[in-house]
Protein backbone atom coordinates (compact mmCIF):
# COMPACT_ATOMS: atom_id res chain seq x y z
CA MET A 1 61.61 18.56 20.20
CA VAL A 2 64.95 18.00 18.47
CA ASP A 3 66.34 14.47 18.73
CA LEU A 4 69.44 14.74 16.52
CA VAL A 5 71.95 17.49 15.75
CA ILE A 6 74.64 17.09 13.07
CA GLU A 7 77.62 19.44 13.05
CA ILE A 8 79.95 19.65 10.07
CA TRP A 9 83.14 21.02 11.58
CA SER A 10 85.19 23.46 9.60
CA PRO A 11 88.91 24.02 10.11
CA GLU A 12 88.01 27.28 11.85
CA ASP A 13 86.07 25.50 14.62
CA THR A 14 88.19 25.47 17.77
CA ALA A 15 88.29 22.63 20.28
CA ALA A 16 86.75 24.97 22.86
CA GLY A 17 83.94 25.94 20.50
CA ARG A 18 83.21 22.31 19.69
CA ALA A 19 83.13 21.33 23.36
CA TYR A 20 80.85 24.27 24.16
CA ARG A 21 78.34 23.24 21.48
CA ARG A 22 78.37 19.60 22.63
CA ARG A 23 77.71 20.69 26.24
CA THR A 24 74.94 23.02 25.09
CA TYR A 25 73.19 20.27 23.10
CA ALA A 26 73.50 17.87 26.04
CA SER A 27 72.14 20.46 28.47
CA VAL A 28 68.88 20.68 26.47
CA ASP A 29 68.59 16.87 26.23
CA ILE A 30 69.24 16.40 22.52
CA LEU A 31 69.48 12.62 22.45
CA TYR A 32 71.88 12.18 19.54
CA PHE A 33 74.79 14.19 18.22
CA TRP A 34 76.87 13.52 15.12
CA GLU A 35 80.00 15.31 14.10
CA ILE A 36 81.41 15.25 10.61
CA GLU A 37 85.05 16.10 10.07
CA GLN A 38 85.54 17.55 6.60
CA ASP A 39 88.88 15.78 6.17
CA GLY A 40 87.87 12.36 4.97
CA PRO A 41 85.01 12.96 5.72
CA VAL A 42 84.70 11.09 9.02
CA ILE A 43 81.40 10.71 10.92
CA THR A 44 81.34 10.15 14.68
CA ALA A 45 77.95 9.51 16.28
CA TYR A 46 77.14 9.93 19.97
CA ALA A 47 74.17 9.11 22.18
CA LEU A 48 73.30 11.09 25.31
CA ARG A 49 73.75 9.02 28.49
CA ASP A 50 73.72 10.43 32.01
CA GLY A 51 74.00 13.99 30.69
CA GLU A 52 77.05 13.32 28.49
CA TYR A 53 77.54 12.16 24.94
CA ARG A 54 79.02 8.68 24.59
CA GLU A 55 80.56 7.63 21.29
CA GLN A 56 78.55 4.97 19.48
CA ILE A 57 80.53 4.65 16.25
CA THR A 58 83.12 6.36 14.07
CA LEU A 59 82.92 5.79 10.33
CA ASN A 60 85.72 6.51 7.88
CA PRO A 61 85.31 6.81 4.09
CA GLY A 62 84.92 3.40 2.49
CA ALA A 63 83.89 1.81 5.80
CA ALA A 64 80.11 1.73 5.62
CA GLY A 65 78.31 1.10 8.85
CA THR A 66 75.03 1.56 10.65
CA ILE A 67 74.63 4.41 13.09
CA THR A 68 72.18 3.52 15.84
CA ALA A 69 72.72 6.81 17.71
CA ALA A 70 69.74 8.23 15.82
CA PRO A 71 65.94 8.21 15.99
CA ALA A 72 66.13 5.29 13.51
CA PRO A 73 69.22 3.31 12.39
CA VAL A 74 71.05 4.88 9.45
CA ALA A 75 73.37 2.94 7.14
CA VAL A 76 75.98 5.24 5.62
CA ASP A 77 79.42 5.35 4.02
CA PRO A 78 81.10 8.72 4.66
CA ALA A 79 82.67 8.52 1.20
CA LEU A 80 79.19 9.27 -0.19
CA LEU A 81 79.29 12.70 1.51
CA ASN A 82 82.20 13.97 -0.61
CA PRO A 83 79.98 15.97 -3.03
CA TRP A 84 78.48 17.85 -0.03
CA VAL A 85 81.47 18.22 2.25
CA ARG A 86 84.42 20.40 1.33
CA THR A 87 87.63 18.37 1.55
């Protein structure tokens, strides 16, 4: 069973493609979904509620926070992702 999916969106990902993937993950009851925008990078974390993802937190670089939309809480600062995310 998969509890968490993390998508790193590229500039080529369309709004329709993103929405389709979110709906697909929700339809198979993946409890948590994070999206990472490469510009920044910015992390937005969602939890599945009533068949839809609800935003739990959005973190910008330099604004560390704790994501609870996860199997266990995760403290992170998106600025630390810069070596791994193309900006």
